[in-house]
Amino acid sequence: MIIISNKLFTKLLKNYTGISIFPFIILKYGKDDFSTQPYEIIVNHERIHLRQQLETLVIFFYLLYLIFYIINRIKGMRHYDAYRNIPFERESYINEKDLNYLKHRKFWNWVTFSRSQPSETKSRT
């Protein structure tokens, strides 16, 4: 289920366009506010997160997400780099443009992104 909530993103998550909180995808804008392809990419990115949440029984997704983020920060990464190098985010960003990804995605595929090298990201902060 997709929910549009500009207020949530205005105050709390101002640098983000979407978030997945099982079983919902909450977006900053409606479909008419995006061109068709970017909207579909954002929704696909969030659907990948929903699948990851199901695989980790939801609660462990959030626990692992926080642990990976903290470890990345301890390694000296800035906020944006620490966020982008969370295995869940790496899998989602790398595969978000493949709108058929979830049809052929292997179970617990996010684990392969925890073993690979960190992404080289350009920090926004």
N, C-alpha and C. Protein backbone atom coordinates (compact mmCIF):
# COMPACT_ATOMS: atom_id res chain seq x y z
N MET A 1 0.85 -1.16 0.00
CA MET A 1 0.00 0.00 0.00
C MET A 1 0.90 1.24 0.00
N ILE A 2 0.62 2.17 -0.89
CA ILE A 2 1.40 3.40 -1.00
C ILE A 2 0.63 4.56 -0.39
N ILE A 3 1.32 5.29 0.48
CA ILE A 3 0.74 6.46 1.15
C ILE A 3 1.57 7.67 0.76
N ILE A 4 0.91 8.79 0.50
CA ILE A 4 1.60 10.05 0.21
C ILE A 4 1.49 10.93 1.45
N SER A 5 2.64 11.39 1.94
CA SER A 5 2.65 12.22 3.15
C SER A 5 3.76 13.26 3.03
N ASN A 6 3.44 14.40 2.47
CA ASN A 6 4.42 15.47 2.33
C ASN A 6 4.87 16.00 3.68
N LYS A 7 3.97 16.01 4.66
CA LYS A 7 4.28 16.54 5.99
C LYS A 7 5.37 15.73 6.68
N LEU A 8 5.31 14.41 6.60
CA LEU A 8 6.32 13.55 7.21
C LEU A 8 7.71 13.88 6.67
N PHE A 9 7.80 14.13 5.37
CA PHE A 9 9.09 14.38 4.74
C PHE A 9 9.52 15.83 4.88
N THR A 10 8.61 16.73 5.13
CA THR A 10 8.97 18.13 5.30
C THR A 10 9.73 18.34 6.60
N LYS A 11 9.30 17.69 7.65
CA LYS A 11 9.91 17.92 8.96
C LYS A 11 10.92 16.85 9.35
N LEU A 12 10.51 15.60 9.30
CA LEU A 12 11.32 14.52 9.83
C LEU A 12 12.35 13.97 8.85
N LEU A 13 11.94 13.76 7.61
CA LEU A 13 12.80 13.10 6.62
C LEU A 13 13.00 13.99 5.40
N LYS A 14 13.39 15.22 5.60
CA LYS A 14 13.40 16.21 4.53
C LYS A 14 14.32 15.88 3.36
N ASN A 15 15.35 15.07 3.54
CA ASN A 15 16.26 14.74 2.43
C ASN A 15 15.90 13.46 1.70
N TYR A 16 14.77 12.86 2.05
CA TYR A 16 14.38 11.58 1.46
C TYR A 16 13.07 11.73 0.69
N THR A 17 12.84 10.81 -0.26
CA THR A 17 11.61 10.85 -1.05
C THR A 17 10.68 9.69 -0.73
N GLY A 18 11.18 8.67 -0.02
CA GLY A 18 10.36 7.54 0.31
C GLY A 18 10.92 6.75 1.47
N ILE A 19 10.03 5.99 2.10
CA ILE A 19 10.43 5.13 3.22
C ILE A 19 9.47 3.94 3.23
N SER A 20 9.99 2.79 3.63
CA SER A 20 9.17 1.58 3.75
C SER A 20 9.05 1.20 5.21
N ILE A 21 7.85 1.14 5.67
CA ILE A 21 7.55 0.66 7.01
C ILE A 21 6.48 -0.41 6.82
N PHE A 22 6.91 -1.67 6.89
CA PHE A 22 6.05 -2.78 6.52
C PHE A 22 4.67 -2.64 7.14
N PRO A 23 3.63 -2.78 6.34
CA PRO A 23 3.55 -3.13 4.92
C PRO A 23 3.36 -1.91 4.01
N PHE A 24 3.75 -0.74 4.46
CA PHE A 24 3.48 0.49 3.71
C PHE A 24 4.72 1.05 3.04
N ILE A 25 4.49 1.70 1.91
CA ILE A 25 5.48 2.55 1.27
C ILE A 25 4.94 3.96 1.42
N ILE A 26 5.73 4.82 2.05
CA ILE A 26 5.30 6.20 2.27
C ILE A 26 6.19 7.08 1.40
N LEU A 27 5.56 7.86 0.52
CA LEU A 27 6.28 8.71 -0.42
C LEU A 27 6.01 10.18 -0.13
N LYS A 28 6.99 10.99 -0.47
CA LYS A 28 6.88 12.43 -0.29
C LYS A 28 5.91 13.03 -1.31
N TYR A 29 5.91 12.49 -2.52
CA TYR A 29 5.10 13.03 -3.62
C TYR A 29 4.23 11.94 -4.22
N GLY A 30 3.16 12.36 -4.88
CA GLY A 30 2.32 11.44 -5.63
C GLY A 30 2.90 11.18 -7.00
N LYS A 31 2.34 10.23 -7.71
CA LYS A 31 2.84 9.83 -9.03
C LYS A 31 2.88 11.00 -10.00
N ASP A 32 1.92 11.90 -9.92
CA ASP A 32 1.86 13.03 -10.84
C ASP A 32 2.97 14.05 -10.61
N ASP A 33 3.61 13.99 -9.46
CA ASP A 33 4.69 14.93 -9.13
C ASP A 33 6.06 14.42 -9.57
N PHE A 34 6.14 13.19 -10.07
CA PHE A 34 7.36 12.61 -10.61
C PHE A 34 7.12 12.38 -12.11
N SER A 35 8.19 12.29 -12.88
CA SER A 35 7.99 11.75 -14.23
C SER A 35 7.81 10.25 -14.02
N THR A 36 7.21 9.53 -14.95
CA THR A 36 6.82 8.13 -14.75
C THR A 36 7.99 7.25 -14.33
N GLN A 37 9.12 7.29 -15.01
CA GLN A 37 10.23 6.40 -14.71
C GLN A 37 10.81 6.60 -13.31
N PRO A 38 11.14 7.84 -12.91
CA PRO A 38 11.67 7.98 -11.54
C PRO A 38 10.70 7.51 -10.47
N TYR A 39 9.41 7.76 -10.64
CA TYR A 39 8.42 7.30 -9.66
C TYR A 39 8.48 5.77 -9.54
N GLU A 40 8.51 5.10 -10.68
CA GLU A 40 8.55 3.63 -10.69
C GLU A 40 9.84 3.12 -10.04
N ILE A 41 10.94 3.85 -10.25
CA ILE A 41 12.21 3.46 -9.65
C ILE A 41 12.15 3.61 -8.14
N ILE A 42 11.60 4.71 -7.66
CA ILE A 42 11.48 4.92 -6.22
C ILE A 42 10.59 3.86 -5.58
N VAL A 43 9.47 3.56 -6.21
CA VAL A 43 8.57 2.53 -5.70
C VAL A 43 9.27 1.17 -5.70
N ASN A 44 10.02 0.87 -6.76
CA ASN A 44 10.74 -0.40 -6.83
C ASN A 44 11.79 -0.48 -5.72
N HIS A 45 12.50 0.60 -5.48
CA HIS A 45 13.49 0.66 -4.40
C HIS A 45 12.82 0.31 -3.07
N GLU A 46 11.68 0.91 -2.82
CA GLU A 46 10.97 0.66 -1.55
C GLU A 46 10.37 -0.74 -1.50
N ARG A 47 9.96 -1.28 -2.63
CA ARG A 47 9.45 -2.67 -2.65
C ARG A 47 10.56 -3.66 -2.33
N ILE A 48 11.77 -3.36 -2.78
CA ILE A 48 12.91 -4.22 -2.43
C ILE A 48 13.07 -4.22 -0.91
N HIS A 49 12.94 -3.06 -0.29
CA HIS A 49 13.02 -2.99 1.18
C HIS A 49 11.89 -3.79 1.84
N LEU A 50 10.70 -3.75 1.28
CA LEU A 50 9.61 -4.54 1.85
C LEU A 50 9.94 -6.03 1.81
N ARG A 51 10.54 -6.48 0.72
CA ARG A 51 10.93 -7.89 0.63
C ARG A 51 12.01 -8.21 1.67
N GLN A 52 12.97 -7.31 1.83
CA GLN A 52 14.02 -7.50 2.84
C GLN A 52 13.40 -7.57 4.23
N GLN A 53 12.42 -6.73 4.47
CA GLN A 53 11.76 -6.71 5.78
C GLN A 53 11.05 -8.03 6.05
N LEU A 54 10.38 -8.56 5.04
CA LEU A 54 9.70 -9.86 5.20
C LEU A 54 10.71 -10.95 5.51
N GLU A 55 11.82 -10.95 4.79
CA GLU A 55 12.84 -12.00 4.98
C GLU A 55 13.46 -11.97 6.37
N THR A 56 13.51 -10.82 6.95
CA THR A 56 14.14 -10.67 8.27
C THR A 56 13.09 -10.54 9.38
N LEU A 57 11.88 -10.96 9.07
CA LEU A 57 10.78 -10.94 10.03
C LEU A 57 10.49 -9.53 10.56
N VAL A 58 10.70 -8.56 9.73
CA VAL A 58 10.45 -7.14 9.93
C VAL A 58 11.29 -6.54 11.05
N ILE A 59 11.14 -6.99 12.26
CA ILE A 59 11.84 -6.37 13.39
C ILE A 59 13.36 -6.48 13.25
N PHE A 60 13.84 -7.60 12.73
CA PHE A 60 15.29 -7.76 12.57
C PHE A 60 15.84 -6.87 11.46
N PHE A 61 15.00 -6.53 10.49
CA PHE A 61 15.42 -5.58 9.45
C PHE A 61 15.83 -4.27 10.11
N TYR A 62 14.97 -3.74 10.97
CA TYR A 62 15.25 -2.45 11.60
C TYR A 62 16.43 -2.54 12.56
N LEU A 63 16.54 -3.65 13.26
CA LEU A 63 17.66 -3.85 14.18
C LEU A 63 18.98 -3.93 13.39
N LEU A 64 19.01 -4.76 12.36
CA LEU A 64 20.21 -4.89 11.53
C LEU A 64 20.55 -3.58 10.82
N TYR A 65 19.52 -2.90 10.35
CA TYR A 65 19.71 -1.61 9.66
C TYR A 65 20.46 -0.65 10.58
N LEU A 66 20.01 -0.55 11.82
CA LEU A 66 20.64 0.33 12.80
C LEU A 66 22.06 -0.13 13.12
N ILE A 67 22.26 -1.42 13.29
CA ILE A 67 23.59 -1.95 13.59
C ILE A 67 24.56 -1.65 12.45
N PHE A 68 24.14 -1.91 11.21
CA PHE A 68 25.01 -1.63 10.06
C PHE A 68 25.34 -0.14 9.99
N TYR A 69 24.35 0.71 10.25
CA TYR A 69 24.58 2.14 10.21
C TYR A 69 25.60 2.56 11.28
N ILE A 70 25.44 2.07 12.48
CA ILE A 70 26.35 2.42 13.58
C ILE A 70 27.77 1.94 13.27
N ILE A 71 27.89 0.72 12.76
CA ILE A 71 29.22 0.19 12.39
C ILE A 71 29.86 1.09 11.33
N ASN A 72 29.09 1.50 10.35
CA ASN A 72 29.63 2.37 9.30
C ASN A 72 30.09 3.71 9.87
N ARG A 73 29.33 4.24 10.82
CA ARG A 73 29.72 5.50 11.45
C ARG A 73 31.00 5.32 12.28
N ILE A 74 31.10 4.20 12.99
CA ILE A 74 32.31 3.91 13.77
C ILE A 74 33.53 3.81 12.84
N LYS A 75 33.30 3.30 11.63
CA LYS A 75 34.39 3.21 10.64
C LYS A 75 34.80 4.57 10.11
N GLY A 76 34.08 5.61 10.52
CA GLY A 76 34.44 6.97 10.12
C GLY A 76 33.65 7.53 8.95
N MET A 77 32.62 6.82 8.51
CA MET A 77 31.82 7.33 7.39
C MET A 77 30.90 8.45 7.86
N ARG A 78 30.71 9.42 6.99
CA ARG A 78 29.72 10.47 7.26
C ARG A 78 28.33 9.85 7.15
N HIS A 79 27.34 10.61 7.63
CA HIS A 79 25.96 10.09 7.66
C HIS A 79 25.53 9.51 6.31
N TYR A 80 25.66 10.28 5.24
CA TYR A 80 25.16 9.83 3.94
C TYR A 80 25.88 8.57 3.47
N ASP A 81 27.20 8.52 3.63
CA ASP A 81 27.96 7.35 3.21
C ASP A 81 27.61 6.13 4.07
N ALA A 82 27.43 6.35 5.37
CA ALA A 82 27.05 5.26 6.27
C ALA A 82 25.69 4.69 5.87
N TYR A 83 24.77 5.57 5.53
CA TYR A 83 23.43 5.16 5.08
C TYR A 83 23.52 4.39 3.76
N ARG A 84 24.24 4.93 2.79
CA ARG A 84 24.33 4.29 1.46
C ARG A 84 25.05 2.95 1.50
N ASN A 85 25.87 2.71 2.52
CA ASN A 85 26.62 1.46 2.61
C ASN A 85 25.99 0.42 3.51
N ILE A 86 24.78 0.66 3.97
CA ILE A 86 24.01 -0.38 4.65
C ILE A 86 23.66 -1.41 3.59
N PRO A 87 23.91 -2.71 3.82
CA PRO A 87 23.64 -3.72 2.79
C PRO A 87 22.23 -3.65 2.19
N PHE A 88 21.23 -3.35 3.00
CA PHE A 88 19.86 -3.24 2.49
C PHE A 88 19.76 -2.11 1.46
N GLU A 89 20.42 -1.00 1.75
CA GLU A 89 20.39 0.14 0.82
C GLU A 89 21.21 -0.16 -0.43
N ARG A 90 22.35 -0.81 -0.25
CA ARG A 90 23.19 -1.12 -1.40
C ARG A 90 22.43 -1.99 -2.39
N GLU A 91 21.77 -3.03 -1.89
CA GLU A 91 20.99 -3.89 -2.78
C GLU A 91 19.89 -3.09 -3.47
N SER A 92 19.19 -2.27 -2.72
CA SER A 92 18.07 -1.51 -3.29
C SER A 92 18.54 -0.49 -4.33
N TYR A 93 19.60 0.26 -4.02
CA TYR A 93 20.07 1.26 -4.98
C TYR A 93 20.63 0.63 -6.24
N ILE A 94 21.38 -0.46 -6.10
CA ILE A 94 21.98 -1.10 -7.27
C ILE A 94 20.92 -1.70 -8.19
N ASN A 95 19.80 -2.16 -7.62
CA ASN A 95 18.80 -2.87 -8.41
C ASN A 95 17.50 -2.12 -8.63
N GLU A 96 17.40 -0.88 -8.17
CA GLU A 96 16.13 -0.15 -8.25
C GLU A 96 15.65 0.10 -9.68
N LYS A 97 16.56 0.20 -10.63
CA LYS A 97 16.16 0.47 -12.03
C LYS A 97 15.70 -0.79 -12.76
N ASP A 98 15.98 -1.95 -12.19
CA ASP A 98 15.51 -3.21 -12.76
C ASP A 98 14.12 -3.48 -12.20
N LEU A 99 13.11 -3.08 -12.94
CA LEU A 99 11.74 -3.19 -12.45
C LEU A 99 11.26 -4.64 -12.34
N ASN A 100 12.04 -5.58 -12.87
CA ASN A 100 11.73 -7.00 -12.74
C ASN A 100 12.60 -7.70 -11.71
N TYR A 101 13.39 -6.95 -10.98
CA TYR A 101 14.35 -7.51 -10.04
C TYR A 101 13.71 -8.45 -9.03
N LEU A 102 12.61 -8.07 -8.47
CA LEU A 102 11.99 -8.90 -7.43
C LEU A 102 11.47 -10.24 -7.98
N LYS A 103 11.29 -10.32 -9.28
CA LYS A 103 10.83 -11.58 -9.88
C LYS A 103 11.94 -12.63 -9.91
N HIS A 104 13.20 -12.19 -9.98
CA HIS A 104 14.31 -13.14 -10.06
C HIS A 104 15.29 -13.03 -8.89
N ARG A 105 14.98 -12.19 -7.94
CA ARG A 105 15.84 -11.98 -6.77
C ARG A 105 15.89 -13.24 -5.91
N LYS A 106 17.10 -13.58 -5.45
CA LYS A 106 17.27 -14.73 -4.57
C LYS A 106 16.94 -14.33 -3.13
N PHE A 107 16.44 -15.30 -2.39
CA PHE A 107 16.11 -15.12 -0.98
C PHE A 107 17.34 -14.65 -0.21
N TRP A 108 17.20 -13.65 0.65
CA TRP A 108 18.26 -13.08 1.46
C TRP A 108 19.42 -12.55 0.62
N ASN A 109 19.13 -12.06 -0.56
CA ASN A 109 20.19 -11.58 -1.45
C ASN A 109 20.94 -10.39 -0.85
N TRP A 110 20.33 -9.66 0.06
CA TRP A 110 20.98 -8.51 0.67
C TRP A 110 22.27 -8.92 1.39
N VAL A 111 22.37 -10.18 1.82
CA VAL A 111 23.56 -10.66 2.52
C VAL A 111 24.80 -10.53 1.63
N THR A 112 24.64 -10.75 0.34
CA THR A 112 25.80 -10.65 -0.56
C THR A 112 26.35 -9.23 -0.60
N PHE A 113 25.53 -8.24 -0.28
CA PHE A 113 25.97 -6.85 -0.28
C PHE A 113 26.66 -6.48 1.03
N SER A 114 26.58 -7.34 2.03
CA SER A 114 27.29 -7.07 3.29
C SER A 114 28.72 -7.58 3.20
N ARG A 115 28.99 -8.43 2.24
CA ARG A 115 30.33 -8.99 2.08
C ARG A 115 31.15 -8.28 1.02
N SER A 116 30.50 -7.50 0.19
CA SER A 116 31.22 -6.81 -0.88
C SER A 116 31.80 -5.50 -0.38
N GLN A 117 32.62 -4.90 -1.19
CA GLN A 117 33.30 -3.65 -0.83
C GLN A 117 32.29 -2.52 -0.67
N PRO A 118 32.55 -1.59 0.23
CA PRO A 118 31.66 -0.44 0.39
C PRO A 118 31.54 0.38 -0.89
N SER A 119 30.38 0.97 -1.07
CA SER A 119 30.15 1.82 -2.24
C SER A 119 30.95 3.09 -2.10
N GLU A 120 31.43 3.56 -3.20
CA GLU A 120 32.07 4.86 -3.22
C GLU A 120 30.95 5.86 -3.48
N THR A 121 30.62 6.64 -2.48
CA THR A 121 29.54 7.60 -2.61
C THR A 121 30.07 8.99 -2.40
N LYS A 122 29.42 9.92 -3.00
CA LYS A 122 29.77 11.31 -2.82
C LYS A 122 28.90 11.86 -1.71
N SER A 123 29.50 12.27 -0.65
CA SER A 123 28.75 12.72 0.51
C SER A 123 28.03 14.02 0.23
N ARG A 124 26.76 14.09 0.69
CA ARG A 124 25.97 15.32 0.55
C ARG A 124 26.10 16.21 1.76
N THR A 125 26.73 15.72 2.82
CA THR A 125 26.82 16.54 4.04
C THR A 125 28.22 17.06 4.24
